[in-house]
PDB file of N, CA and C in Angstrom:
ATOM      1  N   MET A   1     137.866  84.564 156.485  1.00  0.00           N
ATOM      2  CA  MET A   1     136.679  83.786 156.258  1.00  0.00           C
ATOM      3  C   MET A   1     136.872  82.942 154.990  1.00  0.00           C
ATOM      4  N   HIS A   2     136.558  81.648 155.087  1.00  0.00           N
ATOM      5  CA  HIS A   2     136.722  80.712 153.985  1.00  0.00           C
ATOM      6  C   HIS A   2     135.464  80.696 153.132  1.00  0.00           C
ATOM      7  N   ARG A   3     135.641  80.893 151.823  1.00  0.00           N
ATOM      8  CA  ARG A   3     134.490  80.885 150.911  1.00  0.00           C
ATOM      9  C   ARG A   3     134.462  79.549 150.192  1.00  0.00           C
ATOM     10  N   GLY A   4     133.231  79.056 149.903  1.00  0.00           N
ATOM     11  CA  GLY A   4     133.074  77.799 149.170  1.00  0.00           C
ATOM     12  C   GLY A   4     132.135  76.865 149.906  1.00  0.00           C
ATOM     13  N   PHE A   5     131.995  75.703 149.350  1.00  0.00           N
ATOM     14  CA  PHE A   5     131.101  74.698 149.921  1.00  0.00           C
ATOM     15  C   PHE A   5     131.914  73.559 150.504  1.00  0.00           C
ATOM     16  N   THR A   6     131.366  72.975 151.540  1.00  0.00           N
ATOM     17  CA  THR A   6     132.020  71.792 152.094  1.00  0.00           C
ATOM     18  C   THR A   6     131.567  70.568 151.307  1.00  0.00           C
ATOM     19  N   LEU A   7     132.254  69.487 151.490  1.00  0.00           N
ATOM     20  CA  LEU A   7     131.917  68.246 150.793  1.00  0.00           C
ATOM     21  C   LEU A   7     130.530  67.758 151.197  1.00  0.00           C
ATOM     22  N   ILE A   8     130.169  67.892 152.441  1.00  0.00           N
ATOM     23  CA  ILE A   8     128.852  67.474 152.932  1.00  0.00           C
ATOM     24  C   ILE A   8     127.758  68.274 152.238  1.00  0.00           C
ATOM     25  N   GLU A   9     127.938  69.573 152.123  1.00  0.00           N
ATOM     26  CA  GLU A   9     126.926  70.413 151.464  1.00  0.00           C
ATOM     27  C   GLU A   9     126.761  70.009 150.004  1.00  0.00           C
ATOM     28  N   LEU A  10     127.839  69.737 149.300  1.00  0.00           N
ATOM     29  CA  LEU A  10     127.762  69.306 147.907  1.00  0.00           C
ATOM     30  C   LEU A  10     127.055  67.960 147.784  1.00  0.00           C
ATOM     31  N   LEU A  11     127.357  67.026 148.678  1.00  0.00           N
ATOM     32  CA  LEU A  11     126.701  65.722 148.647  1.00  0.00           C
ATOM     33  C   LEU A  11     125.205  65.832 148.928  1.00  0.00           C
ATOM     34  N   VAL A  12     124.831  66.710 149.829  1.00  0.00           N
ATOM     35  CA  VAL A  12     123.401  66.912 150.126  1.00  0.00           C
ATOM     36  C   VAL A  12     122.688  67.480 148.904  1.00  0.00           C
ATOM     37  N   VAL A  13     123.289  68.437 148.235  1.00  0.00           N
ATOM     38  CA  VAL A  13     122.675  69.023 147.033  1.00  0.00           C
ATOM     39  C   VAL A  13     122.553  67.972 145.939  1.00  0.00           C
ATOM     40  N   ILE A  14     123.575  67.164 145.742  1.00  0.00           N
ATOM     41  CA  ILE A  14     123.523  66.110 144.730  1.00  0.00           C
ATOM     42  C   ILE A  14     122.450  65.078 145.078  1.00  0.00           C
ATOM     43  N   ALA A  15     122.329  64.730 146.352  1.00  0.00           N
ATOM     44  CA  ALA A  15     121.304  63.772 146.773  1.00  0.00           C
ATOM     45  C   ALA A  15     119.907  64.329 146.531  1.00  0.00           C
ATOM     46  N   ILE A  16     119.696  65.605 146.788  1.00  0.00           N
ATOM     47  CA  ILE A  16     118.382  66.222 146.558  1.00  0.00           C
ATOM     48  C   ILE A  16     118.058  66.228 145.064  1.00  0.00           C
ATOM     49  N   ILE A  17     119.031  66.558 144.250  1.00  0.00           N
ATOM     50  CA  ILE A  17     118.813  66.560 142.792  1.00  0.00           C
ATOM     51  C   ILE A  17     118.500  65.145 142.304  1.00  0.00           C
ATOM     52  N   ALA A  18     119.209  64.150 142.802  1.00  0.00           N
ATOM     53  CA  ALA A  18     118.955  62.759 142.411  1.00  0.00           C
ATOM     54  C   ALA A  18     117.561  62.314 142.843  1.00  0.00           C
ATOM     55  N   LEU A  19     117.138  62.721 144.025  1.00  0.00           N
ATOM     56  CA  LEU A  19     115.807  62.376 144.513  1.00  0.00           C
ATOM     57  C   LEU A  19     114.732  63.014 143.642  1.00  0.00           C
ATOM     58  N   LEU A  20     114.901  64.262 143.292  1.00  0.00           N
ATOM     59  CA  LEU A  20     113.931  64.934 142.414  1.00  0.00           C
ATOM     60  C   LEU A  20     113.892  64.288 141.034  1.00  0.00           C
ATOM     61  N   ALA A  21     115.049  63.909 140.523  1.00  0.00           N
ATOM     62  CA  ALA A  21     115.090  63.240 139.220  1.00  0.00           C
ATOM     63  C   ALA A  21     114.383  61.895 139.279  1.00  0.00           C
ATOM     64  N   ALA A  22     114.586  61.153 140.355  1.00  0.00           N
ATOM     65  CA  ALA A  22     113.934  59.847 140.509  1.00  0.00           C
ATOM     66  C   ALA A  22     112.413  59.996 140.591  1.00  0.00           C
ATOM     67  N   ILE A  23     111.953  61.085 141.137  1.00  0.00           N
ATOM     68  CA  ILE A  23     110.506  61.331 141.218  1.00  0.00           C
ATOM     69  C   ILE A  23     109.956  61.754 139.865  1.00  0.00           C
ATOM     70  N   LEU A  24     110.707  62.548 139.121  1.00  0.00           N
ATOM     71  CA  LEU A  24     110.189  63.108 137.873  1.00  0.00           C
ATOM     72  C   LEU A  24     110.320  62.185 136.662  1.00  0.00           C
ATOM     73  N   PHE A  25     111.277  61.263 136.625  1.00  0.00           N
ATOM     74  CA  PHE A  25     111.451  60.401 135.452  1.00  0.00           C
ATOM     75  C   PHE A  25     110.212  59.573 135.132  1.00  0.00           C
ATOM     76  N   PRO A  26     109.537  58.948 136.116  1.00  0.00           N
ATOM     77  CA  PRO A  26     108.306  58.215 135.785  1.00  0.00           C
ATOM     78  C   PRO A  26     107.203  59.131 135.250  1.00  0.00           C
ATOM     79  N   VAL A  27     107.146  60.350 135.740  1.00  0.00           N
ATOM     80  CA  VAL A  27     106.141  61.295 135.252  1.00  0.00           C
ATOM     81  C   VAL A  27     106.398  61.614 133.781  1.00  0.00           C
ATOM     82  N   PHE A  28     107.659  61.823 133.423  1.00  0.00           N
ATOM     83  CA  PHE A  28     107.994  62.105 132.034  1.00  0.00           C
ATOM     84  C   PHE A  28     107.722  60.894 131.145  1.00  0.00           C
ATOM     85  N   ALA A  29     107.977  59.688 131.665  1.00  0.00           N
ATOM     86  CA  ALA A  29     107.717  58.471 130.893  1.00  0.00           C
ATOM     87  C   ALA A  29     106.219  58.317 130.631  1.00  0.00           C
ATOM     88  N   LYS A  30     105.398  58.612 131.627  1.00  0.00           N
ATOM     89  CA  LYS A  30     103.945  58.528 131.432  1.00  0.00           C
ATOM     90  C   LYS A  30     103.475  59.556 130.415  1.00  0.00           C
ATOM     91  N   ALA A  31     104.017  60.745 130.473  1.00  0.00           N
ATOM     92  CA  ALA A  31     103.638  61.786 129.516  1.00  0.00           C
ATOM     93  C   ALA A  31     104.060  61.384 128.105  1.00  0.00           C
ATOM     94  N   ARG A  32     105.221  60.788 127.965  1.00  0.00           N
ATOM     95  CA  ARG A  32     105.696  60.339 126.655  1.00  0.00           C
ATOM     96  C   ARG A  32     104.779  59.234 126.112  1.00  0.00           C
ATOM     97  N   GLU A  33     104.348  58.300 126.984  1.00  0.00           N
ATOM     98  CA  GLU A  33     103.454  57.231 126.550  1.00  0.00           C
ATOM     99  C   GLU A  33     102.081  57.782 126.169  1.00  0.00           C
ATOM    100  N   LYS A  34     101.605  58.777 126.876  1.00  0.00           N
ATOM    101  CA  LYS A  34     100.333  59.415 126.499  1.00  0.00           C
ATOM    102  C   LYS A  34     100.454  60.066 125.122  1.00  0.00           C
ATOM    103  N   GLY A  35     101.602  60.651 124.833  1.00  0.00           N
ATOM    104  CA  GLY A  35     101.839  61.216 123.511  1.00  0.00           C
ATOM    105  C   GLY A  35     101.838  60.144 122.442  1.00  0.00           C
ATOM    106  N   ARG A  36     102.426  58.987 122.750  1.00  0.00           N
ATOM    107  CA  ARG A  36     102.418  57.876 121.799  1.00  0.00           C
ATOM    108  C   ARG A  36     101.001  57.358 121.579  1.00  0.00           C
ATOM    109  N   GLN A  37     100.194  57.312 122.642  1.00  0.00           N
ATOM    110  CA  GLN A  37      98.806  56.878 122.495  1.00  0.00           C
ATOM    111  C   GLN A  37      98.028  57.843 121.613  1.00  0.00           C
ATOM    112  N   ALA A  38      98.267  59.120 121.777  1.00  0.00           N
ATOM    113  CA  ALA A  38      97.594  60.112 120.927  1.00  0.00           C
ATOM    114  C   ALA A  38      98.019  59.937 119.470  1.00  0.00           C
ATOM    115  N   ALA A  39      99.300  59.668 119.238  1.00  0.00           N
ATOM    116  CA  ALA A  39      99.776  59.428 117.876  1.00  0.00           C
ATOM    117  C   ALA A  39      99.148  58.163 117.299  1.00  0.00           C
ATOM    118  N   CYS A  40      98.989  57.140 118.120  1.00  0.00           N
ATOM    119  CA  CYS A  40      98.374  55.897 117.670  1.00  0.00           C
ATOM    120  C   CYS A  40      96.912  56.137 117.290  1.00  0.00           C
ATOM    121  N   CYS A  41      96.194  56.899 118.100  1.00  0.00           N
ATOM    122  CA  CYS A  41      94.802  57.212 117.778  1.00  0.00           C
ATOM    123  C   CYS A  41      94.716  58.004 116.475  1.00  0.00           C
ATOM    124  N   SER A  42      95.633  58.901 116.271  1.00  0.00           N
ATOM    125  CA  SER A  42      95.665  59.658 115.024  1.00  0.00           C
ATOM    126  C   SER A  42      95.949  58.740 113.842  1.00  0.00           C
ATOM    127  N   ASN A  43      96.864  57.790 114.029  1.00  0.00           N
ATOM    128  CA  ASN A  43      97.155  56.827 112.969  1.00  0.00           C
ATOM    129  C   ASN A  43      95.933  55.980 112.640  1.00  0.00           C
ATOM    130  N   LEU A  44      95.226  55.531 113.674  1.00  0.00           N
ATOM    131  CA  LEU A  44      94.012  54.741 113.446  1.00  0.00           C
ATOM    132  C   LEU A  44      92.962  55.560 112.705  1.00  0.00           C
ATOM    133  N   ARG A  45      92.826  56.808 113.067  1.00  0.00           N
ATOM    134  CA  ARG A  45      91.877  57.696 112.383  1.00  0.00           C
ATOM    135  C   ARG A  45      92.246  57.831 110.909  1.00  0.00           C
ATOM    136  N   ASN A  46      93.540  57.995 110.614  1.00  0.00           N
ATOM    137  CA  ASN A  46      93.983  58.095 109.225  1.00  0.00           C
ATOM    138  C   ASN A  46      93.711  56.807 108.456  1.00  0.00           C
ATOM    139  N   MET A  47      93.892  55.656 109.104  1.00  0.00           N
ATOM    140  CA  MET A  47      93.609  54.388 108.426  1.00  0.00           C
ATOM    141  C   MET A  47      92.117  54.240 108.129  1.00  0.00           C
ATOM    142  N   VAL A  48      91.275  54.635 109.075  1.00  0.00           N
ATOM    143  CA  VAL A  48      89.825  54.569 108.843  1.00  0.00           C
ATOM    144  C   VAL A  48      89.434  55.518 107.716  1.00  0.00           C
ATOM    145  N   GLN A  49      89.998  56.703 107.717  1.00  0.00           N
ATOM    146  CA  GLN A  49      89.698  57.635 106.630  1.00  0.00           C
ATOM    147  C   GLN A  49      90.181  57.085 105.285  1.00  0.00           C
ATOM    148  N   GLY A  50      91.331  56.429 105.271  1.00  0.00           N
ATOM    149  CA  GLY A  50      91.815  55.807 104.048  1.00  0.00           C
ATOM    150  C   GLY A  50      90.870  54.715 103.563  1.00  0.00           C
ATOM    151  N   ALA A  51      90.349  53.907 104.500  1.00  0.00           N
ATOM    152  CA  ALA A  51      89.393  52.860 104.130  1.00  0.00           C
ATOM    153  C   ALA A  51      88.090  53.476 103.613  1.00  0.00           C
ATOM    154  N   MET A  52      87.672  54.586 104.207  1.00  0.00           N
ATOM    155  CA  MET A  52      86.453  55.256 103.737  1.00  0.00           C
ATOM    156  C   MET A  52      86.665  55.841 102.342  1.00  0.00           C
ATOM    157  N   LEU A  53      87.821  56.435 102.091  1.00  0.00           N
ATOM    158  CA  LEU A  53      88.114  56.972 100.757  1.00  0.00           C
ATOM    159  C   LEU A  53      88.180  55.845  99.722  1.00  0.00           C
ATOM    160  N   TYR A  54      88.781  54.721 100.110  1.00  0.00           N
ATOM    161  CA  TYR A  54      88.821  53.555  99.229  1.00  0.00           C
ATOM    162  C   TYR A  54      87.395  53.134  98.891  1.00  0.00           C
ATOM    163  N   SER A  55      86.547  53.073  99.905  1.00  0.00           N
ATOM    164  CA  SER A  55      85.155  52.669  99.702  1.00  0.00           C
ATOM    165  C   SER A  55      84.424  53.627  98.773  1.00  0.00           C
ATOM    166  N   MET A  56      84.680  54.915  98.895  1.00  0.00           N
ATOM    167  CA  MET A  56      84.033  55.887  98.012  1.00  0.00           C
ATOM    168  C   MET A  56      84.504  55.727  96.571  1.00  0.00           C
ATOM    169  N   ASP A  57      85.791  55.444  96.392  1.00  0.00           N
ATOM    170  CA  ASP A  57      86.326  55.286  95.044  1.00  0.00           C
ATOM    171  C   ASP A  57      85.848  54.000  94.367  1.00  0.00           C
ATOM    172  N   TYR A  58      85.504  52.989  95.163  1.00  0.00           N
ATOM    173  CA  TYR A  58      85.094  51.697  94.613  1.00  0.00           C
ATOM    174  C   TYR A  58      83.607  51.434  94.858  1.00  0.00           C
ATOM    175  N   ASP A  59      82.790  52.463  94.724  1.00  0.00           N
ATOM    176  CA  ASP A  59      81.322  52.368  94.775  1.00  0.00           C
ATOM    177  C   ASP A  59      80.803  51.648  96.018  1.00  0.00           C
ATOM    178  N   GLY A  60      81.339  52.004  97.166  1.00  0.00           N
ATOM    179  CA  GLY A  60      80.834  51.481  98.430  1.00  0.00           C
ATOM    180  C   GLY A  60      81.390  50.142  98.852  1.00  0.00           C
ATOM    181  N   MET A  61      82.292  49.581  98.076  1.00  0.00           N
ATOM    182  CA  MET A  61      82.897  48.293  98.458  1.00  0.00           C
ATOM    183  C   MET A  61      83.885  48.544  99.604  1.00  0.00           C
ATOM    184  N   VAL A  62      83.814  47.690 100.606  1.00  0.00           N
ATOM    185  CA  VAL A  62      84.729  47.831 101.728  1.00  0.00           C
ATOM    186  C   VAL A  62      86.025  47.088 101.426  1.00  0.00           C
ATOM    187  N   VAL A  63      87.073  47.428 102.151  1.00  0.00           N
ATOM    188  CA  VAL A  63      88.359  46.751 101.992  1.00  0.00           C
ATOM    189  C   VAL A  63      88.175  45.321 102.485  1.00  0.00           C
ATOM    190  N   MET A  64      88.450  44.360 101.624  1.00  0.00           N
ATOM    191  CA  MET A  64      88.186  42.958 101.937  1.00  0.00           C
ATOM    192  C   MET A  64      89.476  42.215 102.260  1.00  0.00           C
ATOM    193  N   CYS A  65      89.336  41.192 103.081  1.00  0.00           N
ATOM    194  CA  CYS A  65      90.439  40.283 103.360  1.00  0.00           C
ATOM    195  C   CYS A  65      90.280  39.050 102.484  1.00  0.00           C
ATOM    196  N   GLY A  66      91.359  38.336 102.291  1.00  0.00           N
ATOM    197  CA  GLY A  66      91.308  37.090 101.559  1.00  0.00           C
ATOM    198  C   GLY A  66      91.242  37.260 100.056  1.00  0.00           C
ATOM    199  N   THR A  67      91.577  38.436  99.544  1.00  0.00           N
ATOM    200  CA  THR A  67      91.540  38.659  98.101  1.00  0.00           C
ATOM    201  C   THR A  67      92.916  38.595  97.479  1.00  0.00           C
ATOM    202  N   GLY A  68      93.921  38.260  98.232  1.00  0.00           N
ATOM    203  CA  GLY A  68      95.277  38.168  97.710  1.00  0.00           C
ATOM    204  C   GLY A  68      96.102  39.425  97.930  1.00  0.00           C
ATOM    205  N   ILE A  69      95.460  40.564  98.107  1.00  0.00           N
ATOM    206  CA  ILE A  69      96.166  41.824  98.355  1.00  0.00           C
ATOM    207  C   ILE A  69      95.831  42.252  99.787  1.00  0.00           C
ATOM    208  N   PRO A  70      96.820  42.437 100.641  1.00  0.00           N
ATOM    209  CA  PRO A  70      96.533  42.838 102.025  1.00  0.00           C
ATOM    210  C   PRO A  70      95.774  44.170 102.083  1.00  0.00           C
ATOM    211  N   TRP A  71      94.939  44.314 103.103  1.00  0.00           N
ATOM    212  CA  TRP A  71      94.105  45.517 103.225  1.00  0.00           C
ATOM    213  C   TRP A  71      94.947  46.771 103.312  1.00  0.00           C
ATOM    214  N   PHE A  72      96.105  46.692 103.984  1.00  0.00           N
ATOM    215  CA  PHE A  72      96.924  47.903 104.147  1.00  0.00           C
ATOM    216  C   PHE A  72      97.573  48.325 102.839  1.00  0.00           C
ATOM    217  N   ASP A  73      97.763  47.367 101.910  1.00  0.00           N
ATOM    218  CA  ASP A  73      98.255  47.757 100.590  1.00  0.00           C
ATOM    219  C   ASP A  73      97.147  48.397  99.751  1.00  0.00           C
ATOM    220  N   ARG A  74      95.917  48.016 100.016  1.00  0.00           N
ATOM    221  CA  ARG A  74      94.795  48.616  99.282  1.00  0.00           C
ATOM    222  C   ARG A  74      94.549  50.070  99.702  1.00  0.00           C
ATOM    223  N   ILE A  75      94.701  50.356 100.996  1.00  0.00           N
ATOM    224  CA  ILE A  75      94.413  51.726 101.452  1.00  0.00           C
ATOM    225  C   ILE A  75      95.651  52.618 101.443  1.00  0.00           C
ATOM    226  N   GLN A  76      96.835  52.065 101.154  1.00  0.00           N
ATOM    227  CA  GLN A  76      98.067  52.842 101.213  1.00  0.00           C
ATOM    228  C   GLN A  76      98.037  54.089 100.332  1.00  0.00           C
ATOM    229  N   PRO A  77      97.456  54.071  99.126  1.00  0.00           N
ATOM    230  CA  PRO A  77      97.424  55.311  98.334  1.00  0.00           C
ATOM    231  C   PRO A  77      96.623  56.444  98.982  1.00  0.00           C
ATOM    232  N   TYR A  78      95.774  56.118  99.940  1.00  0.00           N
ATOM    233  CA  TYR A  78      94.948  57.124 100.593  1.00  0.00           C
ATOM    234  C   TYR A  78      95.559  57.617 101.901  1.00  0.00           C
ATOM    235  N   LEU A  79      96.703  57.095 102.276  1.00  0.00           N
ATOM    236  CA  LEU A  79      97.362  57.476 103.529  1.00  0.00           C
ATOM    237  C   LEU A  79      98.453  58.498 103.252  1.00  0.00           C
ATOM    238  N   ARG A  80      98.800  59.260 104.294  1.00  0.00           N
ATOM    239  CA  ARG A  80      99.885  60.237 104.162  1.00  0.00           C
ATOM    240  C   ARG A  80     101.201  59.549 103.877  1.00  0.00           C
ATOM    241  N   ASN A  81     101.496  58.512 104.659  1.00  0.00           N
ATOM    242  CA  ASN A  81     102.696  57.702 104.458  1.00  0.00           C
ATOM    243  C   ASN A  81     102.489  56.367 105.155  1.00  0.00           C
ATOM    244  N   ARG A  82     103.408  55.451 104.952  1.00  0.00           N
ATOM    245  CA  ARG A  82     103.245  54.115 105.531  1.00  0.00           C
ATOM    246  C   ARG A  82     103.531  54.094 107.032  1.00  0.00           C
ATOM    247  N   GLN A  83     104.077  55.147 107.580  1.00  0.00           N
ATOM    248  CA  GLN A  83     104.361  55.175 109.009  1.00  0.00           C
ATOM    249  C   GLN A  83     103.100  55.147 109.850  1.00  0.00           C
ATOM    250  N   VAL A  84     101.948  55.532 109.293  1.00  0.00           N
ATOM    251  CA  VAL A  84     100.705  55.470 110.064  1.00  0.00           C
ATOM    252  C   VAL A  84     100.303  54.029 110.323  1.00  0.00           C
ATOM    253  N   LEU A  85     100.897  53.081 109.620  1.00  0.00           N
ATOM    254  CA  LEU A  85     100.591  51.675 109.834  1.00  0.00           C
ATOM    255  C   LEU A  85     101.321  51.100 111.039  1.00  0.00           C
ATOM    256  N   TYR A  86     102.244  51.853 111.619  1.00  0.00           N
ATOM    257  CA  TYR A  86     103.010  51.388 112.766  1.00  0.00           C
ATOM    258  C   TYR A  86     102.528  52.041 114.041  1.00  0.00           C
ATOM    259  N   CYS A  87     102.533  51.264 115.087  1.00  0.00           N
ATOM    260  CA  CYS A  87     102.194  51.806 116.403  1.00  0.00           C
ATOM    261  C   CYS A  87     103.449  52.427 117.011  1.00  0.00           C
ATOM    262  N   PRO A  88     103.372  53.683 117.455  1.00  0.00           N
ATOM    263  CA  PRO A  88     104.552  54.319 118.039  1.00  0.00           C
ATOM    264  C   PRO A  88     105.033  53.642 119.328  1.00  0.00           C
ATOM    265  N   SER A  89     104.173  52.887 120.009  1.00  0.00           N
ATOM    266  CA  SER A  89     104.564  52.239 121.266  1.00  0.00           C
ATOM    267  C   SER A  89     105.230  50.896 121.059  1.00  0.00           C
ATOM    268  N   ASP A  90     105.246  50.389 119.835  1.00  0.00           N
ATOM    269  CA  ASP A  90     105.858  49.097 119.572  1.00  0.00           C
ATOM    270  C   ASP A  90     107.375  49.242 119.615  1.00  0.00           C
ATOM    271  N   PRO A  91     108.065  48.575 120.550  1.00  0.00           N
ATOM    272  CA  PRO A  91     109.502  48.762 120.696  1.00  0.00           C
ATOM    273  C   PRO A  91     110.327  48.012 119.659  1.00  0.00           C
ATOM    274  N   LYS A  92     109.707  47.082 118.911  1.00  0.00           N
ATOM    275  CA  LYS A  92     110.458  46.280 117.954  1.00  0.00           C
ATOM    276  C   LYS A  92     110.784  47.081 116.698  1.00  0.00           C
ATOM    277  N   PRO A  93     111.888  46.768 116.042  1.00  0.00           N
ATOM    278  CA  PRO A  93     112.201  47.446 114.776  1.00  0.00           C
ATOM    279  C   PRO A  93     111.183  47.062 113.707  1.00  0.00           C
ATOM    280  N   PRO A  94     110.973  47.913 112.698  1.00  0.00           N
ATOM    281  CA  PRO A  94     109.913  47.696 111.713  1.00  0.00           C
ATOM    282  C   PRO A  94     109.939  46.336 111.021  1.00  0.00           C
ATOM    283  N   GLY A  95     111.077  45.754 110.743  1.00  0.00           N
ATOM    284  CA  GLY A  95     111.115  44.486 110.032  1.00  0.00           C
ATOM    285  C   GLY A  95     110.704  43.284 110.866  1.00  0.00           C
ATOM    286  N   THR A  96     110.582  43.438 112.186  1.00  0.00           N
ATOM    287  CA  THR A  96     110.272  42.302 113.049  1.00  0.00           C
ATOM    288  C   THR A  96     108.908  42.412 113.709  1.00  0.00           C
ATOM    289  N   ARG A  97     108.147  43.422 113.398  1.00  0.00           N
ATOM    290  CA  ARG A  97     106.820  43.575 114.004  1.00  0.00           C
ATOM    291  C   ARG A  97     105.864  42.540 113.437  1.00  0.00           C
ATOM    292  N   THR A  98     104.894  42.154 114.255  1.00  0.00           N
ATOM    293  CA  THR A  98     103.907  41.192 113.779  1.00  0.00           C
ATOM    294  C   THR A  98     102.659  41.927 113.331  1.00  0.00           C
ATOM    295  N   ALA A  99     102.021  41.374 112.333  1.00  0.00           N
ATOM    296  CA  ALA A  99     100.802  41.960 111.801  1.00  0.00           C
ATOM    297  C   ALA A  99      99.739  40.883 111.715  1.00  0.00           C
ATOM    298  N   CYS A 100      98.527  41.301 111.598  1.00  0.00           N
ATOM    299  CA  CYS A 100      97.420  40.392 111.417  1.00  0.00           C
ATOM    300  C   CYS A 100      97.082  40.379 109.937  1.00  0.00           C
ATOM    301  N   THR A 101      97.245  39.251 109.295  1.00  0.00           N
ATOM    302  CA  THR A 101      96.865  39.149 107.897  1.00  0.00           C
ATOM    303  C   THR A 101      95.672  38.226 107.800  1.00  0.00           C
ATOM    304  N   CYS A 102      94.761  38.549 106.935  1.00  0.00           N
ATOM    305  CA  CYS A 102      93.516  37.801 106.840  1.00  0.00           C
ATOM    306  C   CYS A 102      93.605  36.725 105.774  1.00  0.00           C
ATOM    307  N   SER A 103      92.901  35.654 106.020  1.00  0.00           N
ATOM    308  CA  SER A 103      92.776  34.591 105.029  1.00  0.00           C
ATOM    309  C   SER A 103      91.381  34.006 105.143  1.00  0.00           C
ATOM    310  N   SER A 104      90.922  33.380 104.111  1.00  0.00           N
ATOM    311  CA  SER A 104      89.601  32.757 104.119  1.00  0.00           C
ATOM    312  C   SER A 104      89.773  31.251 104.040  1.00  0.00           C
ATOM    313  N   ALA A 105      90.033  30.634 105.147  1.00  0.00           N
ATOM    314  CA  ALA A 105      90.206  29.186 105.199  1.00  0.00           C
ATOM    315  C   ALA A 105      88.899  28.558 105.666  1.00  0.00           C
ATOM    316  N   GLY A 106      88.358  27.675 104.866  1.00  0.00           N
ATOM    317  CA  GLY A 106      87.127  27.001 105.258  1.00  0.00           C
ATOM    318  C   GLY A 106      85.914  27.897 105.212  1.00  0.00           C
ATOM    319  N   GLY A 107      85.953  28.944 104.434  1.00  0.00           N
ATOM    320  CA  GLY A 107      84.781  29.796 104.282  1.00  0.00           C
ATOM    321  C   GLY A 107      84.643  30.883 105.323  1.00  0.00           C
ATOM    322  N   SER A 108      85.456  30.864 106.347  1.00  0.00           N
ATOM    323  CA  SER A 108      85.347  31.906 107.367  1.00  0.00           C
ATOM    324  C   SER A 108      86.656  32.686 107.415  1.00  0.00           C
ATOM    325  N   ALA A 109      86.536  33.980 107.520  1.00  0.00           N
ATOM    326  CA  ALA A 109      87.739  34.818 107.572  1.00  0.00           C
ATOM    327  C   ALA A 109      88.386  34.671 108.938  1.00  0.00           C
ATOM    328  N   CYS A 110      89.680  34.518 108.945  1.00  0.00           N
ATOM    329  CA  CYS A 110      90.402  34.420 110.213  1.00  0.00           C
ATOM    330  C   CYS A 110      91.641  35.284 110.141  1.00  0.00           C
ATOM    331  N   CYS A 111      92.158  35.569 111.267  1.00  0.00           N
ATOM    332  CA  CYS A 111      93.320  36.434 111.343  1.00  0.00           C
ATOM    333  C   CYS A 111      94.464  35.655 111.966  1.00  0.00           C
ATOM    334  N   THR A 112      95.594  35.590 111.281  1.00  0.00           N
ATOM    335  CA  THR A 112      96.746  34.854 111.781  1.00  0.00           C
ATOM    336  C   THR A 112      97.937  35.778 111.895  1.00  0.00           C
ATOM    337  N   PRO A 113      98.609  35.796 113.050  1.00  0.00           N
ATOM    338  CA  PRO A 113      99.790  36.639 113.183  1.00  0.00           C
ATOM    339  C   PRO A 113     100.939  36.105 112.335  1.00  0.00           C
ATOM    340  N   GLN A 114     101.616  36.991 111.654  1.00  0.00           N
ATOM    341  CA  GLN A 114     102.745  36.635 110.817  1.00  0.00           C
ATOM    342  C   GLN A 114     103.818  37.696 110.968  1.00  0.00           C
ATOM    343  N   THR A 115     105.011  37.388 110.489  1.00  0.00           N
ATOM    344  CA  THR A 115     106.060  38.390 110.458  1.00  0.00           C
ATOM    345  C   THR A 115     106.044  39.006 109.063  1.00  0.00           C
ATOM    346  N   PRO A 116     105.545  40.247 108.955  1.00  0.00           N
ATOM    347  CA  PRO A 116     105.369  40.868 107.643  1.00  0.00           C
ATOM    348  C   PRO A 116     106.632  41.580 107.186  1.00  0.00           C
ATOM    349  N   PRO A 117     106.628  42.059 105.945  1.00  0.00           N
ATOM    350  CA  PRO A 117     107.718  42.923 105.509  1.00  0.00           C
ATOM    351  C   PRO A 117     107.678  44.241 106.267  1.00  0.00           C
ATOM    352  N   ALA A 118     108.714  45.046 106.128  1.00  0.00           N
ATOM    353  CA  ALA A 118     108.830  46.290 106.897  1.00  0.00           C
ATOM    354  C   ALA A 118     107.720  47.280 106.601  1.00  0.00           C
ATOM    355  N   SER A 119     106.945  47.073 105.563  1.00  0.00           N
ATOM    356  CA  SER A 119     105.900  48.029 105.206  1.00  0.00           C
ATOM    357  C   SER A 119     104.540  47.633 105.747  1.00  0.00           C
ATOM    358  N   SER A 120     104.484  46.696 106.686  1.00  0.00           N
ATOM    359  CA  SER A 120     103.199  46.227 107.187  1.00  0.00           C
ATOM    360  C   SER A 120     102.810  46.911 108.482  1.00  0.00           C
ATOM    361  N   VAL A 121     101.702  46.477 109.046  1.00  0.00           N
ATOM    362  CA  VAL A 121     101.095  47.133 110.193  1.00  0.00           C
ATOM    363  C   VAL A 121     101.334  46.341 111.470  1.00  0.00           C
ATOM    364  N   SER A 122     101.383  47.026 112.574  1.00  0.00           N
ATOM    365  CA  SER A 122     101.491  46.401 113.879  1.00  0.00           C
ATOM    366  C   SER A 122     100.144  46.407 114.563  1.00  0.00           C
ATOM    367  N   THR A 123      99.872  45.378 115.364  1.00  0.00           N
ATOM    368  CA  THR A 123      98.587  45.302 116.053  1.00  0.00           C
ATOM    369  C   THR A 123      98.709  45.649 117.526  1.00  0.00           C
ATOM    370  N   LYS A 124      99.857  46.066 117.992  1.00  0.00           N
ATOM    371  CA  LYS A 124     100.065  46.373 119.397  1.00  0.00           C
ATOM    372  C   LYS A 124      99.930  47.876 119.625  1.00  0.00           C
ATOM    373  N   CYS A 125      98.724  48.347 119.707  1.00  0.00           N
ATOM    374  CA  CYS A 125      98.527  49.783 119.906  1.00  0.00           C
ATOM    375  C   CYS A 125      97.690  50.006 121.154  1.00  0.00           C
ATOM    376  N   PRO A 126      98.200  50.740 122.138  1.00  0.00           N
ATOM    377  CA  PRO A 126      97.454  50.951 123.381  1.00  0.00           C
ATOM    378  C   PRO A 126      96.410  52.040 123.213  1.00  0.00           C
ATOM    379  N   ILE A 127      95.166  51.664 123.193  1.00  0.00           N
ATOM    380  CA  ILE A 127      94.063  52.637 123.111  1.00  0.00           C
ATOM    381  C   ILE A 127      93.316  52.580 124.435  1.00  0.00           C
ATOM    382  N   GLY A 128      93.022  53.726 124.978  1.00  0.00           N
ATOM    383  CA  GLY A 128      92.223  53.748 126.187  1.00  0.00           C
ATOM    384  C   GLY A 128      92.858  54.391 127.296  1.00  0.00           C
TER     385      GLY A 128
END
């Protein structure tokens, strides 16, 4: 009696494993993205708490735009680290991410996308 597997049996097993992997990879990708969304929500919560702490330290003044110092630099001492300013879902490297910086042109505050230094914030965060 011959012991072992035939080539057909091995190919069938490999095909079944490949099929299962093809089914499961999108599920794992969705779970990973949900984890990134949860991290983004946590980062947003930390930024709001930093802005609230800033407001408490400065007698109720809110973080303002157009004062020459970006808002994220004002709240940075109240954050755990600067990584909370980045969205985990942003695929770009930190030095090339775009941020919204505020300016007061013509009396109205506006937001213009710019390429900030590596310590700035990204606006591409999937919430919802």
